[in-house]
N, C-alpha and C. Protein backbone atom coordinates (compact mmCIF):
# COMPACT_ATOMS: atom_id res chain seq x y z
N MET A 1 -228.30 263.06 -125.27
CA MET A 1 -227.28 262.86 -124.24
C MET A 1 -227.76 263.48 -122.93
N ASN A 2 -227.51 262.82 -121.83
CA ASN A 2 -227.92 263.28 -120.52
C ASN A 2 -226.86 264.23 -119.96
N ASN A 3 -227.25 265.48 -119.69
CA ASN A 3 -226.30 266.47 -119.19
C ASN A 3 -226.36 266.63 -117.67
N SER A 4 -227.13 265.80 -116.99
CA SER A 4 -227.21 265.92 -115.54
C SER A 4 -225.89 265.45 -114.92
N PRO A 5 -225.55 265.99 -113.74
CA PRO A 5 -224.28 265.58 -113.11
C PRO A 5 -224.31 264.10 -112.73
N ALA A 6 -223.15 263.48 -112.77
CA ALA A 6 -223.04 262.07 -112.42
C ALA A 6 -223.38 261.88 -110.95
N ARG A 7 -224.13 260.84 -110.68
CA ARG A 7 -224.49 260.50 -109.31
C ARG A 7 -223.55 259.42 -108.80
N THR A 8 -222.94 259.69 -107.67
CA THR A 8 -221.97 258.77 -107.07
C THR A 8 -222.44 258.37 -105.69
N ILE A 9 -222.25 257.11 -105.37
CA ILE A 9 -222.55 256.61 -104.03
C ILE A 9 -221.29 255.94 -103.49
N VAL A 10 -221.05 256.13 -102.21
CA VAL A 10 -219.94 255.46 -101.53
C VAL A 10 -220.53 254.34 -100.68
N LEU A 11 -220.05 253.13 -100.90
CA LEU A 11 -220.52 251.94 -100.21
C LEU A 11 -219.49 251.51 -99.18
N ILE A 12 -219.94 251.41 -97.94
CA ILE A 12 -219.05 251.01 -96.84
C ILE A 12 -219.58 249.72 -96.22
N PRO A 13 -218.98 248.56 -96.53
CA PRO A 13 -219.36 247.34 -95.81
C PRO A 13 -218.74 247.41 -94.42
N ALA A 14 -219.55 247.16 -93.39
CA ALA A 14 -219.06 247.39 -92.03
C ALA A 14 -219.47 246.26 -91.10
N PHE A 15 -218.50 245.70 -90.41
CA PHE A 15 -218.74 244.71 -89.37
C PHE A 15 -218.02 245.16 -88.12
N ASN A 16 -218.78 245.47 -87.08
CA ASN A 16 -218.22 245.95 -85.81
C ASN A 16 -217.24 247.10 -86.04
N ALA A 17 -217.69 248.10 -86.75
CA ALA A 17 -216.83 249.22 -87.15
C ALA A 17 -217.18 250.53 -86.44
N ALA A 18 -217.87 250.45 -85.33
CA ALA A 18 -218.32 251.66 -84.64
C ALA A 18 -217.17 252.61 -84.32
N CYS A 19 -216.02 252.09 -83.98
CA CYS A 19 -214.90 252.95 -83.57
C CYS A 19 -214.27 253.71 -84.74
N TYR A 20 -214.54 253.30 -85.98
CA TYR A 20 -213.95 253.96 -87.16
C TYR A 20 -214.94 254.78 -87.96
N LEU A 21 -216.21 254.46 -87.86
CA LEU A 21 -217.19 254.91 -88.83
C LEU A 21 -217.36 256.42 -88.90
N GLU A 22 -217.45 257.08 -87.77
CA GLU A 22 -217.66 258.53 -87.80
C GLU A 22 -216.50 259.24 -88.51
N GLU A 23 -215.28 258.89 -88.16
CA GLU A 23 -214.13 259.53 -88.82
C GLU A 23 -214.15 259.27 -90.32
N LEU A 24 -214.45 258.03 -90.72
CA LEU A 24 -214.48 257.70 -92.14
C LEU A 24 -215.53 258.51 -92.88
N VAL A 25 -216.74 258.57 -92.35
CA VAL A 25 -217.83 259.29 -93.03
C VAL A 25 -217.50 260.77 -93.15
N VAL A 26 -216.98 261.37 -92.09
CA VAL A 26 -216.61 262.80 -92.14
C VAL A 26 -215.54 263.03 -93.21
N ARG A 27 -214.54 262.18 -93.25
CA ARG A 27 -213.47 262.34 -94.24
C ARG A 27 -213.98 262.14 -95.67
N VAL A 28 -214.89 261.19 -95.87
CA VAL A 28 -215.48 260.99 -97.20
C VAL A 28 -216.23 262.25 -97.62
N ARG A 29 -217.06 262.75 -96.73
CA ARG A 29 -217.86 263.94 -97.08
C ARG A 29 -217.00 265.18 -97.30
N ASN A 30 -215.89 265.27 -96.61
CA ASN A 30 -214.98 266.40 -96.82
C ASN A 30 -214.20 266.27 -98.13
N THR A 31 -214.10 265.06 -98.65
CA THR A 31 -213.32 264.80 -99.86
C THR A 31 -214.15 264.99 -101.12
N ILE A 32 -215.33 264.40 -101.17
CA ILE A 32 -216.13 264.48 -102.40
C ILE A 32 -217.59 264.84 -102.09
N PRO A 33 -217.81 266.03 -101.53
CA PRO A 33 -219.20 266.43 -101.28
C PRO A 33 -219.83 266.92 -102.57
N PRO A 34 -221.13 266.87 -102.77
CA PRO A 34 -222.04 266.03 -101.97
C PRO A 34 -222.02 264.60 -102.51
N VAL A 35 -222.13 263.66 -101.63
CA VAL A 35 -222.12 262.26 -102.04
C VAL A 35 -223.07 261.49 -101.12
N ASP A 36 -223.73 260.51 -101.68
CA ASP A 36 -224.56 259.63 -100.86
C ASP A 36 -223.67 258.52 -100.32
N ILE A 37 -223.95 258.13 -99.09
CA ILE A 37 -223.17 257.07 -98.45
C ILE A 37 -224.13 255.97 -98.02
N LEU A 38 -223.79 254.74 -98.38
CA LEU A 38 -224.55 253.56 -97.97
C LEU A 38 -223.65 252.69 -97.11
N VAL A 39 -224.09 252.44 -95.88
CA VAL A 39 -223.37 251.55 -94.98
C VAL A 39 -224.14 250.23 -94.94
N ILE A 40 -223.45 249.14 -95.21
CA ILE A 40 -224.04 247.82 -95.04
C ILE A 40 -223.53 247.29 -93.71
N ASN A 41 -224.42 247.28 -92.72
CA ASN A 41 -224.09 246.79 -91.39
C ASN A 41 -224.21 245.27 -91.42
N ASP A 42 -223.08 244.59 -91.42
CA ASP A 42 -223.05 243.14 -91.61
C ASP A 42 -223.18 242.38 -90.29
N GLY A 43 -224.32 242.54 -89.62
CA GLY A 43 -224.58 241.79 -88.39
C GLY A 43 -223.72 242.22 -87.23
N SER A 44 -223.35 243.48 -87.17
CA SER A 44 -222.46 243.97 -86.12
C SER A 44 -223.09 243.82 -84.73
N ALA A 45 -222.24 243.51 -83.74
CA ALA A 45 -222.68 243.42 -82.36
C ALA A 45 -222.48 244.75 -81.63
N ASP A 46 -221.80 245.70 -82.27
CA ASP A 46 -221.57 247.00 -81.65
C ASP A 46 -222.59 248.01 -82.19
N ASP A 47 -222.30 249.27 -82.11
CA ASP A 47 -223.24 250.34 -82.46
C ASP A 47 -223.09 250.84 -83.90
N THR A 48 -222.53 250.03 -84.76
CA THR A 48 -222.26 250.44 -86.15
C THR A 48 -223.49 251.01 -86.83
N GLY A 49 -224.61 250.31 -86.79
CA GLY A 49 -225.82 250.75 -87.48
C GLY A 49 -226.35 252.07 -86.96
N ASN A 50 -226.40 252.22 -85.64
CA ASN A 50 -226.90 253.47 -85.05
C ASN A 50 -226.00 254.65 -85.38
N ILE A 51 -224.70 254.43 -85.35
CA ILE A 51 -223.77 255.52 -85.69
C ILE A 51 -223.97 255.93 -87.15
N ALA A 52 -224.09 254.96 -88.04
CA ALA A 52 -224.29 255.27 -89.46
C ALA A 52 -225.57 256.09 -89.65
N ARG A 53 -226.65 255.69 -88.99
CA ARG A 53 -227.91 256.44 -89.10
C ARG A 53 -227.78 257.84 -88.53
N SER A 54 -227.05 257.98 -87.42
CA SER A 54 -226.87 259.31 -86.80
C SER A 54 -226.07 260.25 -87.71
N LEU A 55 -225.30 259.67 -88.63
CA LEU A 55 -224.51 260.46 -89.58
C LEU A 55 -225.25 260.67 -90.90
N ASN A 56 -226.55 260.35 -90.90
CA ASN A 56 -227.40 260.51 -92.09
C ASN A 56 -226.94 259.69 -93.28
N CYS A 57 -226.42 258.52 -93.01
CA CYS A 57 -226.07 257.58 -94.07
C CYS A 57 -227.29 256.70 -94.36
N ASN A 58 -227.39 256.20 -95.57
CA ASN A 58 -228.35 255.14 -95.86
C ASN A 58 -227.78 253.88 -95.24
N VAL A 59 -228.62 253.06 -94.63
CA VAL A 59 -228.14 251.87 -93.94
C VAL A 59 -228.98 250.66 -94.33
N LEU A 60 -228.31 249.59 -94.72
CA LEU A 60 -228.93 248.28 -94.89
C LEU A 60 -228.27 247.37 -93.85
N THR A 61 -229.08 246.55 -93.17
CA THR A 61 -228.55 245.71 -92.11
C THR A 61 -228.76 244.24 -92.42
N ASN A 62 -227.70 243.48 -92.34
CA ASN A 62 -227.79 242.02 -92.38
C ASN A 62 -228.03 241.59 -90.94
N GLU A 63 -229.08 240.83 -90.69
CA GLU A 63 -229.42 240.44 -89.32
C GLU A 63 -228.30 239.62 -88.67
N LYS A 64 -227.57 238.86 -89.48
CA LYS A 64 -226.40 238.14 -88.97
C LYS A 64 -225.25 238.41 -89.94
N ASN A 65 -224.05 238.11 -89.51
CA ASN A 65 -222.88 238.33 -90.36
C ASN A 65 -222.94 237.38 -91.55
N ARG A 66 -223.02 237.96 -92.75
CA ARG A 66 -223.17 237.18 -93.98
C ARG A 66 -221.91 237.20 -94.83
N GLY A 67 -220.96 238.03 -94.48
CA GLY A 67 -219.72 238.11 -95.24
C GLY A 67 -219.64 239.36 -96.08
N LYS A 68 -218.42 239.74 -96.38
CA LYS A 68 -218.18 240.97 -97.13
C LYS A 68 -218.75 240.90 -98.54
N GLY A 69 -218.57 239.77 -99.21
CA GLY A 69 -219.08 239.63 -100.57
C GLY A 69 -220.59 239.80 -100.62
N TYR A 70 -221.30 239.19 -99.69
CA TYR A 70 -222.75 239.33 -99.62
C TYR A 70 -223.14 240.79 -99.41
N SER A 71 -222.44 241.45 -98.50
CA SER A 71 -222.74 242.86 -98.22
C SER A 71 -222.48 243.74 -99.43
N LEU A 72 -221.37 243.49 -100.13
CA LEU A 72 -221.09 244.26 -101.34
C LEU A 72 -222.17 244.03 -102.40
N LYS A 73 -222.59 242.78 -102.56
CA LYS A 73 -223.65 242.50 -103.54
C LYS A 73 -224.93 243.25 -103.21
N ARG A 74 -225.28 243.31 -101.92
CA ARG A 74 -226.47 244.08 -101.53
C ARG A 74 -226.30 245.54 -101.89
N GLY A 75 -225.13 246.07 -101.63
CA GLY A 75 -224.86 247.47 -101.96
C GLY A 75 -224.87 247.72 -103.46
N PHE A 76 -224.34 246.78 -104.23
CA PHE A 76 -224.36 246.92 -105.69
C PHE A 76 -225.80 246.94 -106.19
N ALA A 77 -226.63 246.02 -105.68
CA ALA A 77 -228.03 245.95 -106.11
C ALA A 77 -228.76 247.25 -105.77
N TYR A 78 -228.52 247.77 -104.58
CA TYR A 78 -229.13 249.04 -104.15
C TYR A 78 -228.71 250.16 -105.10
N SER A 79 -227.44 250.23 -105.41
CA SER A 79 -226.90 251.30 -106.27
C SER A 79 -227.48 251.23 -107.68
N LEU A 80 -227.61 250.02 -108.20
CA LEU A 80 -228.19 249.85 -109.53
C LEU A 80 -229.67 250.22 -109.53
N LYS A 81 -230.38 249.79 -108.49
CA LYS A 81 -231.82 250.09 -108.38
C LYS A 81 -232.07 251.60 -108.30
N LYS A 82 -231.17 252.31 -107.62
CA LYS A 82 -231.32 253.76 -107.43
C LYS A 82 -230.70 254.57 -108.57
N ASN A 83 -230.21 253.87 -109.59
CA ASN A 83 -229.68 254.51 -110.81
C ASN A 83 -228.50 255.46 -110.58
N TYR A 84 -227.58 255.04 -109.74
CA TYR A 84 -226.34 255.80 -109.61
C TYR A 84 -225.48 255.56 -110.84
N ASP A 85 -224.58 256.48 -111.10
CA ASP A 85 -223.66 256.34 -112.23
C ASP A 85 -222.36 255.66 -111.80
N TYR A 86 -221.88 255.99 -110.60
CA TYR A 86 -220.60 255.47 -110.10
C TYR A 86 -220.77 255.02 -108.66
N LEU A 87 -219.97 254.02 -108.32
CA LEU A 87 -219.97 253.49 -106.97
C LEU A 87 -218.53 253.37 -106.51
N ILE A 88 -218.27 253.85 -105.32
CA ILE A 88 -216.94 253.71 -104.70
C ILE A 88 -217.12 252.84 -103.47
N THR A 89 -216.32 251.79 -103.35
CA THR A 89 -216.32 250.98 -102.14
C THR A 89 -215.09 251.34 -101.31
N ILE A 90 -215.29 251.37 -100.01
CA ILE A 90 -214.15 251.59 -99.11
C ILE A 90 -214.43 250.83 -97.82
N ASP A 91 -213.44 250.09 -97.36
CA ASP A 91 -213.60 249.36 -96.11
C ASP A 91 -213.71 250.33 -94.94
N ALA A 92 -214.43 249.90 -93.92
CA ALA A 92 -214.71 250.78 -92.78
C ALA A 92 -213.51 250.97 -91.85
N ASP A 93 -212.46 250.18 -91.99
CA ASP A 93 -211.39 250.15 -90.98
C ASP A 93 -210.28 251.18 -91.19
N LEU A 94 -210.47 252.12 -92.10
CA LEU A 94 -209.52 253.21 -92.34
C LEU A 94 -208.15 252.74 -92.83
N GLN A 95 -208.07 251.57 -93.46
CA GLN A 95 -206.80 251.15 -94.07
C GLN A 95 -206.51 251.94 -95.33
N HIS A 96 -207.54 252.56 -95.89
CA HIS A 96 -207.38 253.37 -97.10
C HIS A 96 -207.65 254.83 -96.77
N LEU A 97 -207.05 255.71 -97.54
CA LEU A 97 -207.25 257.14 -97.33
C LEU A 97 -208.44 257.61 -98.16
N PRO A 98 -209.54 258.01 -97.52
CA PRO A 98 -210.70 258.49 -98.28
C PRO A 98 -210.35 259.68 -99.17
N GLU A 99 -209.35 260.43 -98.80
CA GLU A 99 -208.94 261.60 -99.58
C GLU A 99 -208.48 261.21 -100.99
N GLU A 100 -208.11 259.96 -101.18
CA GLU A 100 -207.68 259.50 -102.50
C GLU A 100 -208.85 259.24 -103.46
N MET A 101 -210.08 259.40 -102.96
CA MET A 101 -211.25 259.24 -103.84
C MET A 101 -211.24 260.26 -104.97
N LYS A 102 -210.62 261.41 -104.73
CA LYS A 102 -210.53 262.42 -105.79
C LYS A 102 -209.81 261.86 -107.01
N ALA A 103 -208.80 261.04 -106.79
CA ALA A 103 -208.07 260.44 -107.91
C ALA A 103 -208.98 259.53 -108.72
N PHE A 104 -209.86 258.79 -108.04
CA PHE A 104 -210.82 257.94 -108.75
C PHE A 104 -211.69 258.76 -109.69
N MET A 105 -212.09 259.93 -109.23
CA MET A 105 -213.01 260.75 -110.02
C MET A 105 -212.38 261.18 -111.35
N ASN A 106 -211.06 261.22 -111.42
CA ASN A 106 -210.38 261.55 -112.68
C ASN A 106 -210.60 260.49 -113.75
N TYR A 107 -210.93 259.27 -113.34
CA TYR A 107 -211.13 258.18 -114.29
C TYR A 107 -212.60 257.93 -114.60
N ALA A 108 -213.49 258.68 -113.95
CA ALA A 108 -214.92 258.48 -114.16
C ALA A 108 -215.27 258.71 -115.62
N GLY A 109 -216.14 257.86 -116.14
CA GLY A 109 -216.65 258.07 -117.48
C GLY A 109 -216.04 257.20 -118.55
N ASN A 110 -215.05 256.40 -118.20
CA ASN A 110 -214.45 255.57 -119.25
C ASN A 110 -214.83 254.10 -119.13
N GLY A 111 -215.89 253.82 -118.36
CA GLY A 111 -216.37 252.44 -118.24
C GLY A 111 -215.46 251.53 -117.46
N SER A 112 -214.62 252.12 -116.65
CA SER A 112 -213.58 251.32 -116.00
C SER A 112 -213.91 250.96 -114.56
N ILE A 113 -213.02 250.17 -114.04
CA ILE A 113 -212.97 249.88 -112.61
C ILE A 113 -211.60 250.34 -112.16
N SER A 114 -211.56 251.16 -111.13
CA SER A 114 -210.28 251.60 -110.56
C SER A 114 -210.10 250.90 -109.22
N ILE A 115 -208.89 250.45 -108.95
CA ILE A 115 -208.59 249.75 -107.70
C ILE A 115 -207.52 250.52 -106.94
N GLY A 116 -207.86 250.94 -105.73
CA GLY A 116 -206.89 251.60 -104.87
C GLY A 116 -206.02 250.55 -104.19
N THR A 117 -204.89 250.98 -103.68
CA THR A 117 -204.00 250.04 -103.01
C THR A 117 -203.68 250.53 -101.61
N ARG A 118 -203.35 249.56 -100.78
CA ARG A 118 -202.85 249.84 -99.44
C ARG A 118 -201.34 249.64 -99.47
N GLU A 119 -200.70 250.12 -98.45
CA GLU A 119 -199.28 249.78 -98.31
C GLU A 119 -199.23 248.36 -97.78
N LEU A 120 -198.79 247.44 -98.62
CA LEU A 120 -198.77 246.02 -98.25
C LEU A 120 -197.42 245.67 -97.62
N SER A 121 -197.16 246.29 -96.50
CA SER A 121 -195.90 246.10 -95.81
C SER A 121 -196.08 245.10 -94.67
N MET A 122 -195.05 244.29 -94.43
CA MET A 122 -195.12 243.34 -93.32
C MET A 122 -195.21 244.07 -91.98
N LYS A 123 -194.79 245.33 -91.94
CA LYS A 123 -194.88 246.10 -90.71
C LYS A 123 -196.33 246.46 -90.39
N LYS A 124 -197.18 246.52 -91.44
CA LYS A 124 -198.55 247.00 -91.27
C LYS A 124 -199.57 245.87 -91.16
N MET A 125 -199.18 244.63 -91.44
CA MET A 125 -200.14 243.53 -91.34
C MET A 125 -199.42 242.25 -90.95
N PRO A 126 -200.17 241.32 -90.34
CA PRO A 126 -199.56 240.04 -89.94
C PRO A 126 -198.99 239.29 -91.14
N LEU A 127 -197.91 238.56 -90.91
CA LEU A 127 -197.21 237.84 -91.98
C LEU A 127 -198.14 236.93 -92.80
N PRO A 128 -199.01 236.11 -92.17
CA PRO A 128 -199.87 235.25 -93.00
C PRO A 128 -200.78 236.06 -93.94
N ARG A 129 -201.32 237.17 -93.48
CA ARG A 129 -202.17 238.00 -94.33
C ARG A 129 -201.34 238.65 -95.43
N TRP A 130 -200.14 239.11 -95.09
CA TRP A 130 -199.26 239.73 -96.08
C TRP A 130 -198.94 238.73 -97.20
N LEU A 131 -198.57 237.49 -96.80
CA LEU A 131 -198.26 236.46 -97.79
C LEU A 131 -199.48 236.15 -98.66
N SER A 132 -200.62 235.98 -98.03
CA SER A 132 -201.85 235.66 -98.76
C SER A 132 -202.22 236.77 -99.74
N ASN A 133 -202.18 238.02 -99.30
CA ASN A 133 -202.53 239.15 -100.17
C ASN A 133 -201.58 239.25 -101.36
N ASN A 134 -200.29 239.10 -101.11
CA ASN A 134 -199.32 239.22 -102.20
C ASN A 134 -199.41 238.05 -103.17
N LEU A 135 -199.60 236.84 -102.67
CA LEU A 135 -199.75 235.69 -103.55
C LEU A 135 -201.02 235.81 -104.40
N THR A 136 -202.12 236.20 -103.77
CA THR A 136 -203.37 236.36 -104.51
C THR A 136 -203.23 237.44 -105.58
N SER A 137 -202.60 238.54 -105.24
CA SER A 137 -202.40 239.62 -106.23
C SER A 137 -201.55 239.14 -107.40
N LEU A 138 -200.52 238.35 -107.12
CA LEU A 138 -199.68 237.80 -108.19
C LEU A 138 -200.51 236.90 -109.11
N LEU A 139 -201.30 236.00 -108.53
CA LEU A 139 -202.12 235.09 -109.34
C LEU A 139 -203.16 235.84 -110.16
N VAL A 140 -203.83 236.80 -109.54
CA VAL A 140 -204.83 237.60 -110.27
C VAL A 140 -204.15 238.35 -111.42
N SER A 141 -202.96 238.88 -111.17
CA SER A 141 -202.23 239.59 -112.23
C SER A 141 -201.87 238.67 -113.38
N ILE A 142 -201.40 237.47 -113.06
CA ILE A 142 -201.02 236.51 -114.10
C ILE A 142 -202.23 236.11 -114.93
N PHE A 143 -203.31 235.71 -114.25
CA PHE A 143 -204.48 235.21 -114.98
C PHE A 143 -205.30 236.34 -115.60
N GLY A 144 -205.21 237.53 -115.04
CA GLY A 144 -205.96 238.66 -115.59
C GLY A 144 -205.22 239.42 -116.67
N GLY A 145 -203.91 239.16 -116.79
CA GLY A 145 -203.13 239.81 -117.83
C GLY A 145 -202.85 241.27 -117.56
N LYS A 146 -203.01 241.70 -116.33
CA LYS A 146 -202.75 243.09 -115.97
C LYS A 146 -202.23 243.12 -114.53
N VAL A 147 -201.25 243.97 -114.25
CA VAL A 147 -200.68 244.03 -112.91
C VAL A 147 -201.70 244.63 -111.94
N ILE A 148 -202.03 243.86 -110.92
CA ILE A 148 -202.93 244.30 -109.85
C ILE A 148 -202.12 244.22 -108.56
N ARG A 149 -201.80 245.36 -107.98
CA ARG A 149 -200.94 245.38 -106.79
C ARG A 149 -201.64 244.90 -105.53
N ASP A 150 -202.96 245.11 -105.43
CA ASP A 150 -203.69 244.76 -104.21
C ASP A 150 -205.06 244.20 -104.59
N SER A 151 -205.08 242.93 -104.97
CA SER A 151 -206.33 242.32 -105.45
C SER A 151 -207.38 242.21 -104.36
N GLN A 152 -206.98 242.31 -103.12
CA GLN A 152 -207.92 242.23 -102.00
C GLN A 152 -208.35 243.61 -101.52
N SER A 153 -208.00 244.62 -102.26
CA SER A 153 -208.32 245.98 -101.86
C SER A 153 -209.83 246.19 -101.76
N GLY A 154 -210.25 246.80 -100.68
CA GLY A 154 -211.65 247.16 -100.51
C GLY A 154 -211.93 248.57 -100.97
N PHE A 155 -211.00 249.16 -101.71
CA PHE A 155 -211.10 250.55 -102.16
C PHE A 155 -211.12 250.55 -103.68
N ARG A 156 -212.33 250.69 -104.24
CA ARG A 156 -212.51 250.58 -105.69
C ARG A 156 -213.57 251.56 -106.16
N MET A 157 -213.48 251.90 -107.42
CA MET A 157 -214.53 252.70 -108.05
C MET A 157 -215.02 251.96 -109.29
N PHE A 158 -216.34 251.86 -109.41
CA PHE A 158 -216.97 251.17 -110.52
C PHE A 158 -217.85 252.14 -111.30
N ASP A 159 -217.77 252.06 -112.61
CA ASP A 159 -218.79 252.65 -113.47
C ASP A 159 -219.93 251.63 -113.43
N LEU A 160 -221.13 252.06 -113.05
CA LEU A 160 -222.20 251.08 -112.87
C LEU A 160 -222.63 250.40 -114.16
N LYS A 161 -222.35 251.01 -115.30
CA LYS A 161 -222.63 250.31 -116.57
C LYS A 161 -221.75 249.07 -116.67
N THR A 162 -220.52 249.18 -116.21
CA THR A 162 -219.61 248.04 -116.21
C THR A 162 -220.03 247.03 -115.15
N LEU A 163 -220.41 247.52 -113.98
CA LEU A 163 -220.80 246.64 -112.88
C LEU A 163 -221.99 245.76 -113.26
N LYS A 164 -222.92 246.29 -114.04
CA LYS A 164 -224.09 245.51 -114.47
C LYS A 164 -223.69 244.24 -115.22
N LYS A 165 -222.57 244.28 -115.90
CA LYS A 165 -222.12 243.15 -116.73
C LYS A 165 -221.37 242.09 -115.94
N MET A 166 -221.01 242.40 -114.71
CA MET A 166 -220.16 241.50 -113.93
C MET A 166 -221.00 240.49 -113.16
N ARG A 167 -220.47 239.28 -113.04
CA ARG A 167 -221.13 238.22 -112.28
C ARG A 167 -220.11 237.59 -111.34
N ALA A 168 -220.34 237.77 -110.06
CA ALA A 168 -219.48 237.14 -109.06
C ALA A 168 -220.39 236.33 -108.13
N VAL A 169 -219.90 235.21 -107.65
CA VAL A 169 -220.76 234.32 -106.87
C VAL A 169 -220.40 234.25 -105.39
N SER A 170 -219.18 234.52 -105.03
CA SER A 170 -218.75 234.37 -103.64
C SER A 170 -219.45 235.38 -102.73
N ASN A 171 -219.61 234.98 -101.46
CA ASN A 171 -220.19 235.88 -100.46
C ASN A 171 -219.17 236.29 -99.40
N ARG A 172 -217.94 235.90 -99.55
CA ARG A 172 -216.92 236.19 -98.53
C ARG A 172 -215.84 237.10 -99.11
N PHE A 173 -214.66 237.11 -98.49
CA PHE A 173 -213.60 238.02 -98.90
C PHE A 173 -213.06 237.74 -100.31
N ASP A 174 -213.19 236.51 -100.80
CA ASP A 174 -212.69 236.20 -102.13
C ASP A 174 -213.54 236.84 -103.24
N PHE A 175 -214.66 237.42 -102.87
CA PHE A 175 -215.53 238.13 -103.82
C PHE A 175 -214.74 239.19 -104.58
N GLU A 176 -213.87 239.92 -103.89
CA GLU A 176 -213.12 240.99 -104.54
C GLU A 176 -212.14 240.46 -105.57
N SER A 177 -211.58 239.29 -105.34
CA SER A 177 -210.70 238.69 -106.35
C SER A 177 -211.50 238.27 -107.58
N GLU A 178 -212.73 237.81 -107.37
CA GLU A 178 -213.58 237.43 -108.50
C GLU A 178 -213.84 238.61 -109.43
N LEU A 179 -214.04 239.78 -108.83
CA LEU A 179 -214.33 240.96 -109.64
C LEU A 179 -213.16 241.29 -110.53
């Protein structure tokens, strides 16, 4: 049995996220230090990549915007290649509280996937997005046989042994529903 501490990486897919990135990285590091952070710069036109590098994050850059699913797949491949044990994804736009990553760590080791939720209130998001997110979550819950409150959540924790077994094909936002 391997007694070394579990290695965790935080994956941040980022498109034009320069205005959020520093705060997010600082909050992640204050929540679960030490942790490696990988930013996938998805063809940003702003300073996202440079800010990530200045914060000593690992950075992979898509030369053009390829979509969130594509960026997540690149991050998953990187994490598997580097032999991490756990991977946490969090969107760069601060819709999720990085401080809640501690709760994910309580579930580490059981081969699971944990999904964080946002407050899906009509006050916090445009009506068409609210309707789409809630309808998608309902359908995923029905077909998956388990209640999923936020199927579009970009805040998840994966045991990489479980992630190796998963196959998703989409390169856009529907990638998260596939998982």
